[in-house]
Structures are given as C-alpha cells and as structure tokens.
Amino acid sequence: MKLKLLWSTLLAAGLFIACNTNQQHIAYTTLYGLEQGVSAAYSSYLNLVIKGSLPTNDVPKVSKAFNTFQASSLVALDAVQFDTNAIAPPNLITEGQDVIHLISTVTKK
C-alpha cells in the first residue's frame, strides 16, 4: 500500500513528461517531472512517519538524500537555463532514483 502510492505518483510524473513534447519546454518539464516525483515520494514517506506507520530512525538519512537531490536540482536548472533542448542531467536522474530507492528500502523494513 505504501509503495503503491509512491509508484503511482512517479508514474503520473512520467506520464506528464511523455505527454509534453514541445521542444522549448523539454528541459523544464523533465526537471519538473523528476522534482515532482521525488518530492511526492518524500512527502508520502514523511506522512507515513507522522502517522506512526514507519519509525523515525531513517528520517535523517532520507532527508539528507532528499536535500542533496534538491541542491542538485538547482544546479541542473541553472545548467539548462539557456539550453531549451536539454533534458534532466543523468546524475540528477540517478540522485532522484537513489532517493526513491532509499525510501523504498526503509519502508520495507
């Protein structure tokens, strides 16, 4: 149930990216979709912690990974600001996947 919510949110973000193919907006929509997906997963994780469904032990580790992703997102936005044909950099995608994987791992405990 917990992971189903996370994955459905990520799927919705992926569909948003796939549906918008206007060349001028590719860079921002990929970054936006990635940001929305990771933020939704993090928010869902924190909601489960607040409800008491998950322990608080992993909150610092997950929060640190999320904050690192957020900082990298800002750098990526600066990098693609004048290159409207760019997509989200591979390292940012990897960091986003790392956050999702970490959340997935700690929610399975």
N, C-alpha and C. Protein backbone atom coordinates (compact mmCIF):
# COMPACT_ATOMS: atom_id res chain seq x y z
N MET A 1 0.82 -1.19 0.00
CA MET A 1 0.00 0.00 0.00
C MET A 1 0.86 1.26 0.00
N LYS A 2 1.87 1.27 0.89
CA LYS A 2 2.73 2.44 0.98
C LYS A 2 3.46 2.68 -0.33
N LEU A 3 4.08 1.63 -0.86
CA LEU A 3 4.85 1.76 -2.09
C LEU A 3 3.96 2.00 -3.29
N LYS A 4 2.74 1.49 -3.24
CA LYS A 4 1.81 1.68 -4.36
C LYS A 4 1.54 3.17 -4.56
N LEU A 5 1.38 3.91 -3.49
CA LEU A 5 1.17 5.35 -3.56
C LEU A 5 2.40 6.04 -4.15
N LEU A 6 3.59 5.63 -3.70
CA LEU A 6 4.81 6.24 -4.22
C LEU A 6 4.95 5.99 -5.72
N TRP A 7 4.73 4.74 -6.14
CA TRP A 7 4.92 4.41 -7.55
C TRP A 7 3.84 5.03 -8.43
N SER A 8 2.62 5.14 -7.94
CA SER A 8 1.58 5.77 -8.76
C SER A 8 1.88 7.26 -8.95
N THR A 9 2.46 7.89 -7.95
CA THR A 9 2.85 9.29 -8.08
C THR A 9 3.96 9.44 -9.11
N LEU A 10 4.93 8.54 -9.07
CA LEU A 10 6.02 8.60 -10.04
C LEU A 10 5.53 8.32 -11.44
N LEU A 11 4.59 7.40 -11.58
CA LEU A 11 4.04 7.09 -12.90
C LEU A 11 3.32 8.31 -13.46
N ALA A 12 2.58 9.01 -12.62
CA ALA A 12 1.89 10.21 -13.07
C ALA A 12 2.88 11.27 -13.53
N ALA A 13 3.99 11.41 -12.82
CA ALA A 13 5.01 12.38 -13.22
C ALA A 13 5.63 11.96 -14.55
N GLY A 14 5.86 10.67 -14.74
CA GLY A 14 6.42 10.18 -16.00
C GLY A 14 5.47 10.40 -17.16
N LEU A 15 4.17 10.22 -16.94
CA LEU A 15 3.20 10.46 -17.99
C LEU A 15 3.15 11.93 -18.36
N PHE A 16 3.32 12.79 -17.37
CA PHE A 16 3.35 14.23 -17.64
C PHE A 16 4.50 14.56 -18.59
N ILE A 17 5.65 13.97 -18.34
CA ILE A 17 6.82 14.21 -19.19
C ILE A 17 6.57 13.69 -20.59
N ALA A 18 6.04 12.49 -20.70
CA ALA A 18 5.84 11.86 -22.01
C ALA A 18 4.82 12.61 -22.85
N CYS A 19 3.84 13.22 -22.23
CA CYS A 19 2.78 13.89 -22.97
C CYS A 19 3.19 15.27 -23.48
N ASN A 20 4.17 15.87 -22.90
CA ASN A 20 4.56 17.22 -23.29
C ASN A 20 5.84 17.14 -24.12
N THR A 21 5.71 17.23 -25.45
CA THR A 21 6.88 17.09 -26.30
C THR A 21 7.28 18.39 -26.97
N ASN A 22 6.73 19.51 -26.57
CA ASN A 22 7.11 20.79 -27.12
C ASN A 22 8.61 21.00 -26.85
N GLN A 23 9.38 21.12 -27.91
CA GLN A 23 10.84 21.17 -27.81
C GLN A 23 11.35 22.28 -26.89
N GLN A 24 10.65 23.39 -26.83
CA GLN A 24 11.09 24.50 -26.00
C GLN A 24 10.94 24.22 -24.51
N HIS A 25 10.14 23.25 -24.15
CA HIS A 25 9.88 23.00 -22.73
C HIS A 25 10.42 21.67 -22.23
N ILE A 26 11.14 20.94 -23.05
CA ILE A 26 11.61 19.62 -22.65
C ILE A 26 12.49 19.69 -21.40
N ALA A 27 13.43 20.60 -21.38
CA ALA A 27 14.35 20.68 -20.24
C ALA A 27 13.60 20.92 -18.94
N TYR A 28 12.70 21.89 -18.96
CA TYR A 28 12.00 22.21 -17.73
C TYR A 28 10.97 21.16 -17.34
N THR A 29 10.32 20.54 -18.31
CA THR A 29 9.33 19.52 -17.95
C THR A 29 10.00 18.27 -17.41
N THR A 30 11.17 17.91 -17.94
CA THR A 30 11.85 16.74 -17.38
C THR A 30 12.33 17.03 -15.96
N LEU A 31 12.87 18.21 -15.76
CA LEU A 31 13.31 18.57 -14.41
C LEU A 31 12.11 18.69 -13.48
N TYR A 32 11.04 19.30 -13.96
CA TYR A 32 9.83 19.45 -13.16
C TYR A 32 9.24 18.09 -12.80
N GLY A 33 9.15 17.21 -13.79
CA GLY A 33 8.60 15.88 -13.53
C GLY A 33 9.42 15.10 -12.53
N LEU A 34 10.73 15.17 -12.68
CA LEU A 34 11.62 14.49 -11.75
C LEU A 34 11.47 15.08 -10.35
N GLU A 35 11.45 16.39 -10.27
CA GLU A 35 11.28 17.08 -8.99
C GLU A 35 9.96 16.70 -8.32
N GLN A 36 8.90 16.70 -9.10
CA GLN A 36 7.58 16.38 -8.56
C GLN A 36 7.51 14.93 -8.07
N GLY A 37 8.08 14.03 -8.84
CA GLY A 37 8.06 12.62 -8.45
C GLY A 37 8.82 12.36 -7.16
N VAL A 38 10.03 12.90 -7.08
CA VAL A 38 10.85 12.69 -5.88
C VAL A 38 10.24 13.41 -4.69
N SER A 39 9.73 14.61 -4.89
CA SER A 39 9.10 15.35 -3.79
C SER A 39 7.85 14.64 -3.29
N ALA A 40 7.07 14.08 -4.19
CA ALA A 40 5.87 13.35 -3.79
C ALA A 40 6.23 12.09 -2.99
N ALA A 41 7.27 11.40 -3.42
CA ALA A 41 7.71 10.21 -2.68
C ALA A 41 8.19 10.59 -1.29
N TYR A 42 8.96 11.66 -1.20
CA TYR A 42 9.46 12.13 0.10
C TYR A 42 8.31 12.58 1.00
N SER A 43 7.38 13.31 0.44
CA SER A 43 6.23 13.76 1.20
C SER A 43 5.39 12.58 1.70
N SER A 44 5.19 11.60 0.84
CA SER A 44 4.43 10.40 1.24
C SER A 44 5.16 9.66 2.36
N TYR A 45 6.47 9.57 2.24
CA TYR A 45 7.28 8.92 3.28
C TYR A 45 7.11 9.65 4.61
N LEU A 46 7.24 10.98 4.58
CA LEU A 46 7.10 11.74 5.82
C LEU A 46 5.70 11.62 6.41
N ASN A 47 4.69 11.58 5.55
CA ASN A 47 3.32 11.39 6.05
C ASN A 47 3.17 10.06 6.77
N LEU A 48 3.80 9.02 6.24
CA LEU A 48 3.74 7.71 6.90
C LEU A 48 4.47 7.74 8.24
N VAL A 49 5.57 8.48 8.32
CA VAL A 49 6.29 8.62 9.58
C VAL A 49 5.44 9.38 10.59
N ILE A 50 4.82 10.47 10.14
CA ILE A 50 3.99 11.28 11.04
C ILE A 50 2.80 10.48 11.56
N LYS A 51 2.21 9.65 10.71
CA LYS A 51 1.08 8.82 11.13
C LYS A 51 1.50 7.70 12.07
N GLY A 52 2.80 7.45 12.18
CA GLY A 52 3.30 6.38 13.04
C GLY A 52 3.37 5.04 12.34
N SER A 53 3.16 5.01 11.02
CA SER A 53 3.23 3.77 10.26
C SER A 53 4.68 3.33 10.04
N LEU A 54 5.60 4.27 10.10
CA LEU A 54 7.02 3.98 9.93
C LEU A 54 7.79 4.61 11.08
N PRO A 55 8.90 3.99 11.48
CA PRO A 55 9.70 4.58 12.56
C PRO A 55 10.45 5.82 12.07
N THR A 56 10.89 6.62 13.02
CA THR A 56 11.60 7.86 12.69
C THR A 56 13.10 7.65 12.49
N ASN A 57 13.58 6.45 12.70
CA ASN A 57 15.02 6.16 12.66
C ASN A 57 15.69 6.60 11.37
N ASP A 58 15.04 6.42 10.22
CA ASP A 58 15.66 6.70 8.93
C ASP A 58 15.37 8.10 8.39
N VAL A 59 14.63 8.89 9.13
CA VAL A 59 14.28 10.23 8.65
C VAL A 59 15.52 11.08 8.35
N PRO A 60 16.54 11.11 9.22
CA PRO A 60 17.72 11.92 8.89
C PRO A 60 18.42 11.48 7.60
N LYS A 61 18.53 10.17 7.40
CA LYS A 61 19.20 9.66 6.21
C LYS A 61 18.40 9.98 4.95
N VAL A 62 17.10 9.78 4.99
CA VAL A 62 16.24 10.06 3.83
C VAL A 62 16.20 11.56 3.57
N SER A 63 16.12 12.36 4.62
CA SER A 63 16.09 13.82 4.46
C SER A 63 17.39 14.34 3.86
N LYS A 64 18.51 13.78 4.27
CA LYS A 64 19.80 14.19 3.71
C LYS A 64 19.85 13.87 2.22
N ALA A 65 19.40 12.68 1.82
CA ALA A 65 19.38 12.30 0.41
C ALA A 65 18.46 13.23 -0.38
N PHE A 66 17.31 13.54 0.18
CA PHE A 66 16.37 14.45 -0.49
C PHE A 66 16.96 15.85 -0.62
N ASN A 67 17.59 16.35 0.43
CA ASN A 67 18.20 17.69 0.37
C ASN A 67 19.34 17.76 -0.65
N THR A 68 20.11 16.68 -0.76
CA THR A 68 21.16 16.61 -1.77
C THR A 68 20.55 16.66 -3.16
N PHE A 69 19.46 15.92 -3.36
CA PHE A 69 18.76 15.95 -4.64
C PHE A 69 18.26 17.36 -4.95
N GLN A 70 17.69 18.03 -3.96
CA GLN A 70 17.17 19.39 -4.15
C GLN A 70 18.28 20.35 -4.56
N ALA A 71 19.43 20.25 -3.92
CA ALA A 71 20.55 21.12 -4.26
C ALA A 71 21.02 20.85 -5.70
N SER A 72 21.06 19.60 -6.08
CA SER A 72 21.45 19.24 -7.45
C SER A 72 20.43 19.73 -8.46
N SER A 73 19.17 19.75 -8.07
CA SER A 73 18.11 20.25 -8.96
C SER A 73 18.34 21.71 -9.30
N LEU A 74 18.74 22.50 -8.31
CA LEU A 74 19.00 23.92 -8.56
C LEU A 74 20.17 24.11 -9.53
N VAL A 75 21.21 23.29 -9.35
CA VAL A 75 22.35 23.36 -10.26
C VAL A 75 21.91 22.97 -11.67
N ALA A 76 21.08 21.94 -11.79
CA ALA A 76 20.60 21.49 -13.10
C ALA A 76 19.75 22.56 -13.77
N LEU A 77 18.92 23.25 -13.00
CA LEU A 77 18.12 24.33 -13.57
C LEU A 77 19.00 25.44 -14.13
N ASP A 78 20.05 25.77 -13.41
CA ASP A 78 20.98 26.77 -13.92
C ASP A 78 21.66 26.29 -15.20
N ALA A 79 22.02 25.02 -15.24
CA ALA A 79 22.74 24.47 -16.38
C ALA A 79 21.89 24.46 -17.65
N VAL A 80 20.60 24.22 -17.52
CA VAL A 80 19.75 24.13 -18.72
C VAL A 80 19.01 25.43 -19.02
N GLN A 81 19.27 26.45 -18.26
CA GLN A 81 18.53 27.71 -18.40
C GLN A 81 18.55 28.25 -19.83
N PHE A 82 19.66 28.16 -20.49
CA PHE A 82 19.76 28.72 -21.84
C PHE A 82 19.84 27.64 -22.91
N ASP A 83 19.65 26.39 -22.53
CA ASP A 83 19.67 25.28 -23.49
C ASP A 83 18.31 24.59 -23.43
N THR A 84 17.36 25.08 -24.19
CA THR A 84 15.99 24.56 -24.11
C THR A 84 15.85 23.17 -24.72
N ASN A 85 16.88 22.64 -25.35
CA ASN A 85 16.82 21.29 -25.90
C ASN A 85 17.40 20.25 -24.94
N ALA A 86 17.89 20.70 -23.81
CA ALA A 86 18.49 19.78 -22.84
C ALA A 86 17.42 19.03 -22.07
N ILE A 87 17.79 17.90 -21.55
CA ILE A 87 16.92 17.14 -20.66
C ILE A 87 17.58 17.10 -19.28
N ALA A 88 16.92 16.50 -18.33
CA ALA A 88 17.50 16.40 -17.00
C ALA A 88 18.83 15.66 -17.08
N PRO A 89 19.87 16.19 -16.45
CA PRO A 89 21.18 15.53 -16.49
C PRO A 89 21.12 14.14 -15.87
N PRO A 90 21.89 13.20 -16.41
CA PRO A 90 21.86 11.82 -15.89
C PRO A 90 22.17 11.72 -14.40
N ASN A 91 23.09 12.56 -13.90
CA ASN A 91 23.42 12.48 -12.48
C ASN A 91 22.23 12.88 -11.60
N LEU A 92 21.42 13.82 -12.08
CA LEU A 92 20.24 14.23 -11.31
C LEU A 92 19.19 13.12 -11.31
N ILE A 93 19.04 12.48 -12.46
CA ILE A 93 18.11 11.34 -12.54
C ILE A 93 18.56 10.24 -11.59
N THR A 94 19.86 9.99 -11.55
CA THR A 94 20.40 8.97 -10.65
C THR A 94 20.16 9.35 -9.20
N GLU A 95 20.38 10.61 -8.85
CA GLU A 95 20.13 11.06 -7.47
C GLU A 95 18.66 10.91 -7.11
N GLY A 96 17.78 11.24 -8.05
CA GLY A 96 16.35 11.06 -7.81
C GLY A 96 16.00 9.61 -7.59
N GLN A 97 16.58 8.73 -8.41
CA GLN A 97 16.35 7.29 -8.25
C GLN A 97 16.90 6.80 -6.92
N ASP A 98 18.03 7.36 -6.49
CA ASP A 98 18.62 6.98 -5.21
C ASP A 98 17.69 7.33 -4.05
N VAL A 99 17.07 8.51 -4.12
CA VAL A 99 16.13 8.91 -3.06
C VAL A 99 14.94 7.96 -3.04
N ILE A 100 14.38 7.68 -4.22
CA ILE A 100 13.23 6.77 -4.30
C ILE A 100 13.61 5.38 -3.80
N HIS A 101 14.78 4.91 -4.19
CA HIS A 101 15.23 3.57 -3.75
C HIS A 101 15.43 3.53 -2.23
N LEU A 102 16.03 4.58 -1.68
CA LEU A 102 16.22 4.65 -0.23
C LEU A 102 14.87 4.63 0.49
N ILE A 103 13.92 5.41 0.00
CA ILE A 103 12.59 5.43 0.61
C ILE A 103 11.96 4.05 0.49
N SER A 104 12.09 3.45 -0.66
CA SER A 104 11.54 2.09 -0.86
C SER A 104 12.15 1.11 0.12
N THR A 105 13.47 1.20 0.31
CA THR A 105 14.17 0.29 1.20
C THR A 105 13.74 0.48 2.65
N VAL A 106 13.65 1.72 3.12
CA VAL A 106 13.31 1.93 4.51
C VAL A 106 11.83 1.66 4.79
N THR A 107 10.98 1.75 3.78
CA THR A 107 9.56 1.44 4.03
C THR A 107 9.29 -0.06 4.04
N LYS A 108 10.24 -0.85 3.53
CA LYS A 108 10.08 -2.31 3.55
C LYS A 108 10.51 -2.93 4.86
N LYS A 109 11.19 -2.18 5.70
CA LYS A 109 11.71 -2.72 6.97
C LYS A 109 10.58 -3.17 7.88
